Amino acid sequence: MTDRQNTASPLFQLAEKPTKGDRFLQIVAKTDPRPPRKHKLTRVTFTVSRLMEFCSKRELQNQTAHGEYDWPLVVAKELMDNALDACEEAEVAPIIEVIVGPGSISISDNADGFPAETIAAILDYTVRVSSREAYVSPSRGAQGNALKTILAMAYVLDREREDEDGVNAEAVGVTIIESRGIRHRIEFKVDHVSNEPKVVHTTTPCNRTVGSKITVEWPNSERLLQYAAQRFRFLVSSYAFFNPHLTLRGVWDGKEFINLKATNPNWEKWGPRDPTSSHWYDESRLQHANCDGMMPSRSCWGPSSKT
């Protein structure tokens, strides 16, 4: 063999095989002892706005701890709680009406209503808005994101209605709040360029001067509402069992499913405006409240509390 043959590729072996006649070269393939090269994936760090947590089915399921078929129950529970809290804070016996019609859920009360600045704050998805966040008390909720999730639910459901491109690119969720003589129409959309929620808020005069009425327009209503119908009616009716001061009326598709007068309109329990104990607060709670600019005052602890 020549020197050129001896320096051949290591993947092959050149050998001479003697025979009685002519000699010939035999090329034998060799196994490469080196492991094969693997393709590597270079991971890139992405920054995603937390505001989009309200704009997908998966994220809303995580925040509410319920799937889409239970979302009508989430709306009922959150709006009923808010209505009761508002009435108790206004120190009036609650009168609540729940009406479910074709494509909408409405809940009204007889409390003091929503100030316009509170509604504007609710529409700011960079913050949480709650009158109970800084206080330790036996209240119904304190996270401050209930209405934010409800505003987004209708958008997510409308987006699920497919068009030729697979999703409804023009999806919008509509919620209407009537309070203190003002009708607030809130359209929840998504700006696909900035990848952030886009809320369009318009106001017009209305005749409701007592309490508030919240109407959530509900896309895919036939499928979702009918699935939750029995449990929805049971959940709403159950509020009367534990709130003897509550007057409650419920209507589903034009048929009344409950109309119950308060058994004890003067029934009292701890209210949102009642003093709480200073011993319920610790350093972390006070520090958190102070960071939000909502340091609890001495008056909320009660006259016998020590600072």
C-alpha atoms as a PDB file:
ATOM      1  CA  MET A   1       0.000   0.000   0.000  1.00  0.00           C
ATOM      2  CA  THR A   2       1.111   3.532  -0.692  1.00  0.00           C
ATOM      3  CA  ASP A   3       1.588   6.243   1.911  1.00  0.00           C
ATOM      4  CA  ARG A   4      -1.544   7.904   0.605  1.00  0.00           C
ATOM      5  CA  GLN A   5      -3.498   4.763   1.331  1.00  0.00           C
ATOM      6  CA  ASN A   6      -2.088   4.527   4.848  1.00  0.00           C
ATOM      7  CA  THR A   7      -3.276   8.067   5.640  1.00  0.00           C
ATOM      8  CA  ALA A   8      -6.836   7.396   4.500  1.00  0.00           C
ATOM      9  CA  SER A   9      -9.850   8.432   6.527  1.00  0.00           C
ATOM     10  CA  PRO A  10     -10.011   6.727   9.954  1.00  0.00           C
ATOM     11  CA  LEU A  11     -13.521   5.611   9.070  1.00  0.00           C
ATOM     12  CA  PHE A  12     -12.106   3.082   6.649  1.00  0.00           C
ATOM     13  CA  GLN A  13      -9.399   0.392   6.813  1.00  0.00           C
ATOM     14  CA  LEU A  14      -7.319  -0.681   3.812  1.00  0.00           C
ATOM     15  CA  ALA A  15      -6.071  -4.262   3.823  1.00  0.00           C
ATOM     16  CA  GLU A  16      -4.309  -6.634   1.427  1.00  0.00           C
ATOM     17  CA  LYS A  17      -5.644 -10.128   1.150  1.00  0.00           C
ATOM     18  CA  PRO A  18      -3.201 -12.663  -0.343  1.00  0.00           C
ATOM     19  CA  THR A  19      -4.501 -15.161  -2.814  1.00  0.00           C
ATOM     20  CA  LYS A  20      -2.891 -17.736  -5.033  1.00  0.00           C
ATOM     21  CA  GLY A  21      -3.267 -15.457  -7.978  1.00  0.00           C
ATOM     22  CA  ASP A  22      -3.526 -11.702  -8.168  1.00  0.00           C
ATOM     23  CA  ARG A  23      -3.666  -9.593  -5.049  1.00  0.00           C
ATOM     24  CA  PHE A  24      -6.455  -7.066  -4.468  1.00  0.00           C
ATOM     25  CA  LEU A  25      -7.340  -4.337  -1.980  1.00  0.00           C
ATOM     26  CA  GLN A  26     -10.246  -4.806   0.456  1.00  0.00           C
ATOM     27  CA  ILE A  27     -11.893  -1.725   2.037  1.00  0.00           C
ATOM     28  CA  VAL A  28     -13.476  -2.484   5.405  1.00  0.00           C
ATOM     29  CA  ALA A  29     -15.751   0.070   7.137  1.00  0.00           C
ATOM     30  CA  LYS A  30     -14.891   0.840  10.747  1.00  0.00           C
ATOM     31  CA  THR A  31     -17.204   2.000  13.548  1.00  0.00           C
ATOM     32  CA  ASP A  32     -16.478   5.568  14.686  1.00  0.00           C
ATOM     33  CA  PRO A  33     -15.730   5.333  18.429  1.00  0.00           C
ATOM     34  CA  ARG A  34     -16.739   8.975  18.944  1.00  0.00           C
ATOM     35  CA  PRO A  35     -20.353   9.634  20.048  1.00  0.00           C
ATOM     36  CA  PRO A  36     -22.568  11.256  17.410  1.00  0.00           C
ATOM     37  CA  ARG A  37     -22.917  15.019  17.589  1.00  0.00           C
ATOM     38  CA  LYS A  38     -26.198  16.197  19.154  1.00  0.00           C
ATOM     39  CA  HIS A  39     -28.062  19.272  18.029  1.00  0.00           C
ATOM     40  CA  LYS A  40     -28.240  21.847  20.818  1.00  0.00           C
ATOM     41  CA  LEU A  41     -31.173  24.180  21.518  1.00  0.00           C
ATOM     42  CA  THR A  42     -30.259  27.682  22.596  1.00  0.00           C
ATOM     43  CA  ARG A  43     -32.946  28.889  24.977  1.00  0.00           C
ATOM     44  CA  VAL A  44     -33.972  32.537  24.728  1.00  0.00           C
ATOM     45  CA  THR A  45     -35.425  34.420  27.686  1.00  0.00           C
ATOM     46  CA  PHE A  46     -38.852  35.877  26.879  1.00  0.00           C
ATOM     47  CA  THR A  47     -40.567  38.665  28.770  1.00  0.00           C
ATOM     48  CA  VAL A  48     -44.355  38.304  28.917  1.00  0.00           C
ATOM     49  CA  SER A  49     -46.647  40.917  30.414  1.00  0.00           C
ATOM     50  CA  ARG A  50     -48.441  39.747  33.567  1.00  0.00           C
ATOM     51  CA  LEU A  51     -51.472  41.656  32.299  1.00  0.00           C
ATOM     52  CA  MET A  52     -52.095  38.830  29.835  1.00  0.00           C
ATOM     53  CA  GLU A  53     -52.856  36.513  32.755  1.00  0.00           C
ATOM     54  CA  PHE A  54     -56.437  37.703  32.443  1.00  0.00           C
ATOM     55  CA  CYS A  55     -56.681  37.009  28.713  1.00  0.00           C
ATOM     56  CA  SER A  56     -56.465  33.238  28.317  1.00  0.00           C
ATOM     57  CA  LYS A  57     -58.611  30.332  29.408  1.00  0.00           C
ATOM     58  CA  ARG A  58     -55.728  28.612  31.182  1.00  0.00           C
ATOM     59  CA  GLU A  59     -54.783  31.661  33.248  1.00  0.00           C
ATOM     60  CA  LEU A  60     -58.379  32.403  34.251  1.00  0.00           C
ATOM     61  CA  GLN A  61     -58.804  28.795  35.277  1.00  0.00           C
ATOM     62  CA  ASN A  62     -55.711  29.156  37.470  1.00  0.00           C
ATOM     63  CA  GLN A  63     -56.931  32.381  39.060  1.00  0.00           C
ATOM     64  CA  THR A  64     -60.488  31.241  39.720  1.00  0.00           C
ATOM     65  CA  ALA A  65     -59.628  27.577  40.402  1.00  0.00           C
ATOM     66  CA  HIS A  66     -62.548  26.604  38.139  1.00  0.00           C
ATOM     67  CA  GLY A  67     -62.926  25.480  34.552  1.00  0.00           C
ATOM     68  CA  GLU A  68     -64.958  27.377  31.990  1.00  0.00           C
ATOM     69  CA  TYR A  69     -68.118  25.344  32.614  1.00  0.00           C
ATOM     70  CA  ASP A  70     -68.096  26.622  36.205  1.00  0.00           C
ATOM     71  CA  TRP A  71     -67.509  30.269  35.307  1.00  0.00           C
ATOM     72  CA  PRO A  72     -71.225  31.174  35.562  1.00  0.00           C
ATOM     73  CA  LEU A  73     -71.025  29.987  39.186  1.00  0.00           C
ATOM     74  CA  VAL A  74     -67.917  32.110  39.736  1.00  0.00           C
ATOM     75  CA  VAL A  75     -69.793  35.170  38.428  1.00  0.00           C
ATOM     76  CA  ALA A  76     -72.749  34.433  40.715  1.00  0.00           C
ATOM     77  CA  LYS A  77     -70.611  33.885  43.782  1.00  0.00           C
ATOM     78  CA  GLU A  78     -68.363  36.925  43.341  1.00  0.00           C
ATOM     79  CA  LEU A  79     -71.158  39.354  42.453  1.00  0.00           C
ATOM     80  CA  MET A  80     -73.419  38.052  45.236  1.00  0.00           C
ATOM     81  CA  ASP A  81     -70.584  38.461  47.757  1.00  0.00           C
ATOM     82  CA  ASN A  82     -69.865  41.976  46.524  1.00  0.00           C
ATOM     83  CA  ALA A  83     -73.548  42.910  46.706  1.00  0.00           C
ATOM     84  CA  LEU A  84     -73.910  41.612  50.266  1.00  0.00           C
ATOM     85  CA  ASP A  85     -70.718  43.345  51.373  1.00  0.00           C
ATOM     86  CA  ALA A  86     -71.867  46.625  49.832  1.00  0.00           C
ATOM     87  CA  CYS A  87     -75.250  46.454  51.573  1.00  0.00           C
ATOM     88  CA  GLU A  88     -73.731  45.565  54.940  1.00  0.00           C
ATOM     89  CA  GLU A  89     -71.200  48.375  54.589  1.00  0.00           C
ATOM     90  CA  ALA A  90     -74.078  50.769  53.801  1.00  0.00           C
ATOM     91  CA  GLU A  91     -75.883  49.282  56.836  1.00  0.00           C
ATOM     92  CA  VAL A  92     -79.062  48.419  54.951  1.00  0.00           C
ATOM     93  CA  ALA A  93     -80.892  45.095  54.793  1.00  0.00           C
ATOM     94  CA  PRO A  94     -79.785  43.632  51.433  1.00  0.00           C
ATOM     95  CA  ILE A  95     -82.260  43.315  48.577  1.00  0.00           C
ATOM     96  CA  ILE A  96     -80.637  41.420  45.711  1.00  0.00           C
ATOM     97  CA  GLU A  97     -82.055  40.397  42.341  1.00  0.00           C
ATOM     98  CA  VAL A  98     -80.399  37.885  39.995  1.00  0.00           C
ATOM     99  CA  ILE A  99     -81.591  37.680  36.390  1.00  0.00           C
ATOM    100  CA  VAL A 100     -80.182  35.269  33.803  1.00  0.00           C
ATOM    101  CA  GLY A 101     -81.438  35.801  30.274  1.00  0.00           C
ATOM    102  CA  PRO A 102     -80.320  34.874  26.780  1.00  0.00           C
ATOM    103  CA  GLY A 103     -76.613  35.670  26.800  1.00  0.00           C
ATOM    104  CA  SER A 104     -76.340  37.670  30.021  1.00  0.00           C
ATOM    105  CA  ILE A 105     -76.110  37.495  33.824  1.00  0.00           C
ATOM    106  CA  SER A 106     -77.317  40.481  35.887  1.00  0.00           C
ATOM    107  CA  ILE A 107     -77.103  41.042  39.643  1.00  0.00           C
ATOM    108  CA  SER A 108     -78.437  44.182  41.339  1.00  0.00           C
ATOM    109  CA  ASP A 109     -78.499  45.427  44.949  1.00  0.00           C
ATOM    110  CA  ASN A 110     -79.747  48.338  47.054  1.00  0.00           C
ATOM    111  CA  ALA A 111     -76.432  49.559  48.519  1.00  0.00           C
ATOM    112  CA  ASP A 112     -74.677  52.894  47.964  1.00  0.00           C
ATOM    113  CA  GLY A 113     -73.404  52.042  44.494  1.00  0.00           C
ATOM    114  CA  PHE A 114     -69.998  52.331  42.844  1.00  0.00           C
ATOM    115  CA  PRO A 115     -68.145  55.648  42.822  1.00  0.00           C
ATOM    116  CA  ALA A 116     -66.876  56.466  39.342  1.00  0.00           C
ATOM    117  CA  GLU A 117     -63.258  56.517  40.576  1.00  0.00           C
ATOM    118  CA  THR A 118     -63.611  52.976  41.939  1.00  0.00           C
ATOM    119  CA  ILE A 119     -64.741  51.683  38.555  1.00  0.00           C
ATOM    120  CA  ALA A 120     -61.792  53.461  36.902  1.00  0.00           C
ATOM    121  CA  ALA A 121     -59.425  51.788  39.374  1.00  0.00           C
ATOM    122  CA  ILE A 122     -60.949  48.359  38.685  1.00  0.00           C
ATOM    123  CA  LEU A 123     -60.091  48.805  35.012  1.00  0.00           C
ATOM    124  CA  ASP A 124     -56.400  49.316  35.820  1.00  0.00           C
ATOM    125  CA  TYR A 125     -54.945  45.840  35.363  1.00  0.00           C
ATOM    126  CA  THR A 126     -51.558  46.822  36.781  1.00  0.00           C
ATOM    127  CA  VAL A 127     -52.920  47.027  40.344  1.00  0.00           C
ATOM    128  CA  ARG A 128     -55.354  45.239  42.620  1.00  0.00           C
ATOM    129  CA  VAL A 129     -58.252  47.211  44.038  1.00  0.00           C
ATOM    130  CA  SER A 130     -59.814  46.149  47.325  1.00  0.00           C
ATOM    131  CA  SER A 131     -61.256  47.940  50.354  1.00  0.00           C
ATOM    132  CA  ARG A 132     -60.242  44.950  52.506  1.00  0.00           C
ATOM    133  CA  GLU A 133     -56.650  44.353  51.429  1.00  0.00           C
ATOM    134  CA  ALA A 134     -55.060  46.234  54.343  1.00  0.00           C
ATOM    135  CA  TYR A 135     -57.408  44.992  57.050  1.00  0.00           C
ATOM    136  CA  VAL A 136     -57.590  41.764  59.029  1.00  0.00           C
ATOM    137  CA  SER A 137     -61.296  41.003  59.355  1.00  0.00           C
ATOM    138  CA  PRO A 138     -63.867  38.240  58.803  1.00  0.00           C
ATOM    139  CA  SER A 139     -64.830  39.582  55.388  1.00  0.00           C
ATOM    140  CA  ARG A 140     -65.784  37.638  52.267  1.00  0.00           C
ATOM    141  CA  GLY A 141     -62.763  38.472  50.110  1.00  0.00           C
ATOM    142  CA  ALA A 142     -59.642  40.565  49.944  1.00  0.00           C
ATOM    143  CA  GLN A 143     -57.693  39.750  46.780  1.00  0.00           C
ATOM    144  CA  GLY A 144     -59.161  42.563  44.719  1.00  0.00           C
ATOM    145  CA  ASN A 145     -59.213  40.716  41.398  1.00  0.00           C
ATOM    146  CA  ALA A 146     -62.758  39.299  41.254  1.00  0.00           C
ATOM    147  CA  LEU A 147     -64.216  41.937  38.939  1.00  0.00           C
ATOM    148  CA  LYS A 148     -61.050  41.932  36.856  1.00  0.00           C
ATOM    149  CA  THR A 149     -61.457  38.218  36.108  1.00  0.00           C
ATOM    150  CA  ILE A 150     -65.180  38.615  35.393  1.00  0.00           C
ATOM    151  CA  LEU A 151     -64.524  41.401  32.889  1.00  0.00           C
ATOM    152  CA  ALA A 152     -62.064  39.121  31.084  1.00  0.00           C
ATOM    153  CA  MET A 153     -64.215  35.962  31.087  1.00  0.00           C
ATOM    154  CA  ALA A 154     -66.602  37.187  28.413  1.00  0.00           C
ATOM    155  CA  TYR A 155     -63.638  38.116  26.202  1.00  0.00           C
ATOM    156  CA  VAL A 156     -62.060  34.678  26.551  1.00  0.00           C
ATOM    157  CA  LEU A 157     -65.352  32.928  25.800  1.00  0.00           C
ATOM    158  CA  ASP A 158     -65.977  35.155  22.778  1.00  0.00           C
ATOM    159  CA  ARG A 159     -62.457  34.430  21.540  1.00  0.00           C
ATOM    160  CA  GLU A 160     -63.231  30.692  21.602  1.00  0.00           C
ATOM    161  CA  ARG A 161     -65.861  31.201  18.911  1.00  0.00           C
ATOM    162  CA  GLU A 162     -63.832  30.244  15.870  1.00  0.00           C
ATOM    163  CA  ASP A 163     -63.833  32.041  12.550  1.00  0.00           C
ATOM    164  CA  GLU A 164     -62.034  31.178   9.327  1.00  0.00           C
ATOM    165  CA  ASP A 165     -58.638  31.718  10.962  1.00  0.00           C
ATOM    166  CA  GLY A 166     -59.361  29.381  13.872  1.00  0.00           C
ATOM    167  CA  VAL A 167     -60.061  32.000  16.586  1.00  0.00           C
ATOM    168  CA  ASN A 168     -62.232  35.083  16.832  1.00  0.00           C
ATOM    169  CA  ALA A 169     -59.674  37.850  16.355  1.00  0.00           C
ATOM    170  CA  GLU A 170     -62.310  40.517  17.015  1.00  0.00           C
ATOM    171  CA  ALA A 171     -63.328  39.056  20.374  1.00  0.00           C
ATOM    172  CA  VAL A 172     -64.679  41.455  22.978  1.00  0.00           C
ATOM    173  CA  GLY A 173     -66.138  41.023  26.440  1.00  0.00           C
ATOM    174  CA  VAL A 174     -68.860  43.468  27.465  1.00  0.00           C
ATOM    175  CA  THR A 175     -69.816  44.303  31.057  1.00  0.00           C
ATOM    176  CA  ILE A 176     -72.275  47.031  32.026  1.00  0.00           C
ATOM    177  CA  ILE A 177     -72.328  48.667  35.465  1.00  0.00           C
ATOM    178  CA  GLU A 178     -75.259  50.946  36.322  1.00  0.00           C
ATOM    179  CA  SER A 179     -74.744  52.988  39.463  1.00  0.00           C
ATOM    180  CA  ARG A 180     -75.313  56.506  40.833  1.00  0.00           C
ATOM    181  CA  GLY A 181     -77.083  57.663  37.687  1.00  0.00           C
ATOM    182  CA  ILE A 182     -74.269  56.564  35.344  1.00  0.00           C
ATOM    183  CA  ARG A 183     -74.217  53.632  32.950  1.00  0.00           C
ATOM    184  CA  HIS A 184     -70.670  52.352  32.487  1.00  0.00           C
ATOM    185  CA  ARG A 185     -70.125  50.212  29.388  1.00  0.00           C
ATOM    186  CA  ILE A 186     -66.844  48.332  29.604  1.00  0.00           C
ATOM    187  CA  GLU A 187     -65.445  46.555  26.563  1.00  0.00           C
ATOM    188  CA  PHE A 188     -62.545  44.220  27.242  1.00  0.00           C
ATOM    189  CA  LYS A 189     -60.280  43.549  24.258  1.00  0.00           C
ATOM    190  CA  VAL A 190     -56.635  42.692  23.626  1.00  0.00           C
ATOM    191  CA  ASP A 191     -54.156  44.855  21.750  1.00  0.00           C
ATOM    192  CA  HIS A 192     -52.292  42.206  19.758  1.00  0.00           C
ATOM    193  CA  VAL A 193     -49.451  44.602  18.942  1.00  0.00           C
ATOM    194  CA  SER A 194     -48.500  45.421  22.542  1.00  0.00           C
ATOM    195  CA  ASN A 195     -49.901  42.080  23.773  1.00  0.00           C
ATOM    196  CA  GLU A 196     -51.806  43.762  26.600  1.00  0.00           C
ATOM    197  CA  PRO A 197     -55.459  44.110  27.597  1.00  0.00           C
ATOM    198  CA  LYS A 198     -57.278  47.040  26.047  1.00  0.00           C
ATOM    199  CA  VAL A 199     -60.281  48.332  27.981  1.00  0.00           C
ATOM    200  CA  VAL A 200     -62.733  50.754  26.373  1.00  0.00           C
ATOM    201  CA  HIS A 201     -64.832  52.543  28.995  1.00  0.00           C
ATOM    202  CA  THR A 202     -67.774  54.725  27.977  1.00  0.00           C
ATOM    203  CA  THR A 203     -70.414  56.357  30.173  1.00  0.00           C
ATOM    204  CA  THR A 204     -73.985  57.533  29.616  1.00  0.00           C
ATOM    205  CA  PRO A 205     -76.739  58.684  32.021  1.00  0.00           C
ATOM    206  CA  CYS A 206     -79.124  56.080  33.483  1.00  0.00           C
ATOM    207  CA  ASN A 207     -82.072  56.002  35.879  1.00  0.00           C
ATOM    208  CA  ARG A 208     -80.491  53.845  38.596  1.00  0.00           C
ATOM    209  CA  THR A 209     -79.718  56.047  41.584  1.00  0.00           C
ATOM    210  CA  VAL A 210     -80.006  53.436  44.362  1.00  0.00           C
ATOM    211  CA  GLY A 211     -77.586  50.547  44.530  1.00  0.00           C
ATOM    212  CA  SER A 212     -75.878  49.095  41.490  1.00  0.00           C
ATOM    213  CA  LYS A 213     -76.579  46.614  38.721  1.00  0.00           C
ATOM    214  CA  ILE A 214     -73.850  44.617  37.000  1.00  0.00           C
ATOM    215  CA  THR A 215     -74.642  42.866  33.719  1.00  0.00           C
ATOM    216  CA  VAL A 216     -72.139  40.479  32.162  1.00  0.00           C
ATOM    217  CA  GLU A 217     -72.811  39.607  28.541  1.00  0.00           C
ATOM    218  CA  TRP A 218     -72.150  35.903  28.187  1.00  0.00           C
ATOM    219  CA  PRO A 219     -71.036  34.464  24.816  1.00  0.00           C
ATOM    220  CA  ASN A 220     -71.696  30.760  24.148  1.00  0.00           C
ATOM    221  CA  SER A 221     -74.513  31.140  26.671  1.00  0.00           C
ATOM    222  CA  GLU A 222     -76.594  28.204  25.518  1.00  0.00           C
ATOM    223  CA  ARG A 223     -73.762  25.749  26.059  1.00  0.00           C
ATOM    224  CA  LEU A 224     -72.252  27.077  29.286  1.00  0.00           C
ATOM    225  CA  LEU A 225     -75.274  28.508  31.054  1.00  0.00           C
ATOM    226  CA  GLN A 226     -77.441  25.454  30.500  1.00  0.00           C
ATOM    227  CA  TYR A 227     -74.665  23.201  31.781  1.00  0.00           C
ATOM    228  CA  ALA A 228     -74.477  25.231  35.008  1.00  0.00           C
ATOM    229  CA  ALA A 229     -78.201  26.015  35.305  1.00  0.00           C
ATOM    230  CA  GLN A 230     -79.148  23.695  38.170  1.00  0.00           C
ATOM    231  CA  ARG A 231     -76.067  24.428  40.264  1.00  0.00           C
ATOM    232  CA  PHE A 232     -76.327  28.155  39.531  1.00  0.00           C
ATOM    233  CA  ARG A 233     -79.898  28.321  40.861  1.00  0.00           C
ATOM    234  CA  PHE A 234     -78.956  26.244  43.913  1.00  0.00           C
ATOM    235  CA  LEU A 235     -75.928  28.418  44.702  1.00  0.00           C
ATOM    236  CA  VAL A 236     -77.901  31.664  44.476  1.00  0.00           C
ATOM    237  CA  SER A 237     -80.776  30.260  46.561  1.00  0.00           C
ATOM    238  CA  SER A 238     -78.330  29.049  49.222  1.00  0.00           C
ATOM    239  CA  TYR A 239     -77.441  32.635  50.156  1.00  0.00           C
ATOM    240  CA  ALA A 240     -80.856  33.011  51.760  1.00  0.00           C
ATOM    241  CA  PHE A 241     -80.159  30.136  54.158  1.00  0.00           C
ATOM    242  CA  PHE A 242     -77.229  31.889  55.844  1.00  0.00           C
ATOM    243  CA  ASN A 243     -78.378  35.494  55.539  1.00  0.00           C
ATOM    244  CA  PRO A 244     -81.761  35.941  57.258  1.00  0.00           C
ATOM    245  CA  HIS A 245     -81.633  39.695  56.556  1.00  0.00           C
ATOM    246  CA  LEU A 246     -81.534  39.067  52.779  1.00  0.00           C
ATOM    247  CA  THR A 247     -84.445  39.591  50.416  1.00  0.00           C
ATOM    248  CA  LEU A 248     -83.653  37.583  47.296  1.00  0.00           C
ATOM    249  CA  ARG A 249     -85.273  37.173  43.903  1.00  0.00           C
ATOM    250  CA  GLY A 250     -83.914  35.013  41.103  1.00  0.00           C
ATOM    251  CA  VAL A 251     -85.115  34.662  37.502  1.00  0.00           C
ATOM    252  CA  TRP A 252     -83.803  32.187  34.925  1.00  0.00           C
ATOM    253  CA  ASP A 253     -84.937  32.543  31.317  1.00  0.00           C
ATOM    254  CA  GLY A 254     -88.048  34.434  32.403  1.00  0.00           C
ATOM    255  CA  LYS A 255     -88.996  31.909  35.105  1.00  0.00           C
ATOM    256  CA  GLU A 256     -88.673  32.819  38.761  1.00  0.00           C
ATOM    257  CA  PHE A 257     -86.731  30.217  40.748  1.00  0.00           C
ATOM    258  CA  ILE A 258     -86.683  32.044  44.082  1.00  0.00           C
ATOM    259  CA  ASN A 259     -88.571  34.965  45.604  1.00  0.00           C
ATOM    260  CA  LEU A 260     -87.891  35.085  49.306  1.00  0.00           C
ATOM    261  CA  LYS A 261     -88.466  37.932  51.729  1.00  0.00           C
ATOM    262  CA  ALA A 262     -86.005  38.490  54.562  1.00  0.00           C
ATOM    263  CA  THR A 263     -87.010  36.445  57.609  1.00  0.00           C
ATOM    264  CA  ASN A 264     -85.210  38.868  59.920  1.00  0.00           C
ATOM    265  CA  PRO A 265     -84.374  42.233  58.277  1.00  0.00           C
ATOM    266  CA  ASN A 266     -82.825  43.481  61.528  1.00  0.00           C
ATOM    267  CA  TRP A 267     -80.440  40.538  61.874  1.00  0.00           C
ATOM    268  CA  GLU A 268     -76.923  41.709  62.662  1.00  0.00           C
ATOM    269  CA  LYS A 269     -73.475  40.214  62.450  1.00  0.00           C
ATOM    270  CA  TRP A 270     -69.992  41.663  62.196  1.00  0.00           C
ATOM    271  CA  GLY A 271     -70.020  44.351  59.506  1.00  0.00           C
ATOM    272  CA  PRO A 272     -67.251  45.780  57.326  1.00  0.00           C
ATOM    273  CA  ARG A 273     -67.413  49.077  59.271  1.00  0.00           C
ATOM    274  CA  ASP A 274     -67.173  47.487  62.725  1.00  0.00           C
ATOM    275  CA  PRO A 275     -63.872  47.899  64.639  1.00  0.00           C
ATOM    276  CA  THR A 276     -61.345  45.071  64.608  1.00  0.00           C
ATOM    277  CA  SER A 277     -58.755  44.119  67.184  1.00  0.00           C
ATOM    278  CA  SER A 278     -55.240  45.543  67.030  1.00  0.00           C
ATOM    279  CA  HIS A 279     -53.990  42.109  68.105  1.00  0.00           C
ATOM    280  CA  TRP A 280     -54.971  40.736  64.681  1.00  0.00           C
ATOM    281  CA  TYR A 281     -52.225  42.821  63.056  1.00  0.00           C
ATOM    282  CA  ASP A 282     -48.559  41.913  62.940  1.00  0.00           C
ATOM    283  CA  GLU A 283     -45.514  43.715  61.595  1.00  0.00           C
ATOM    284  CA  SER A 284     -45.748  42.247  58.091  1.00  0.00           C
ATOM    285  CA  ARG A 285     -49.428  43.190  57.793  1.00  0.00           C
ATOM    286  CA  LEU A 286     -48.775  46.784  58.865  1.00  0.00           C
ATOM    287  CA  GLN A 287     -45.745  47.057  56.592  1.00  0.00           C
ATOM    288  CA  HIS A 288     -47.775  45.774  53.630  1.00  0.00           C
ATOM    289  CA  ALA A 289     -50.555  48.252  54.353  1.00  0.00           C
ATOM    290  CA  ASN A 290     -48.105  51.112  54.689  1.00  0.00           C
ATOM    291  CA  CYS A 291     -46.494  50.285  51.345  1.00  0.00           C
ATOM    292  CA  ASP A 292     -49.892  50.624  49.717  1.00  0.00           C
ATOM    293  CA  GLY A 293     -50.498  53.969  51.382  1.00  0.00           C
ATOM    294  CA  MET A 294     -53.357  52.484  53.405  1.00  0.00           C
ATOM    295  CA  MET A 295     -51.953  52.319  56.923  1.00  0.00           C
ATOM    296  CA  PRO A 296     -54.852  51.313  59.227  1.00  0.00           C
ATOM    297  CA  SER A 297     -55.735  54.165  61.523  1.00  0.00           C
ATOM    298  CA  ARG A 298     -56.324  53.882  65.250  1.00  0.00           C
ATOM    299  CA  SER A 299     -60.044  54.385  64.685  1.00  0.00           C
ATOM    300  CA  CYS A 300     -60.359  51.085  62.840  1.00  0.00           C
ATOM    301  CA  TRP A 301     -58.938  49.205  65.803  1.00  0.00           C
ATOM    302  CA  GLY A 302     -61.547  50.426  68.238  1.00  0.00           C
ATOM    303  CA  PRO A 303     -61.373  52.813  71.204  1.00  0.00           C
ATOM    304  CA  SER A 304     -60.082  50.215  73.676  1.00  0.00           C
ATOM    305  CA  SER A 305     -57.147  49.098  71.530  1.00  0.00           C
ATOM    306  CA  LYS A 306     -53.593  49.923  72.399  1.00  0.00           C
ATOM    307  CA  THR A 307     -51.108  51.163  69.822  1.00  0.00           C
END
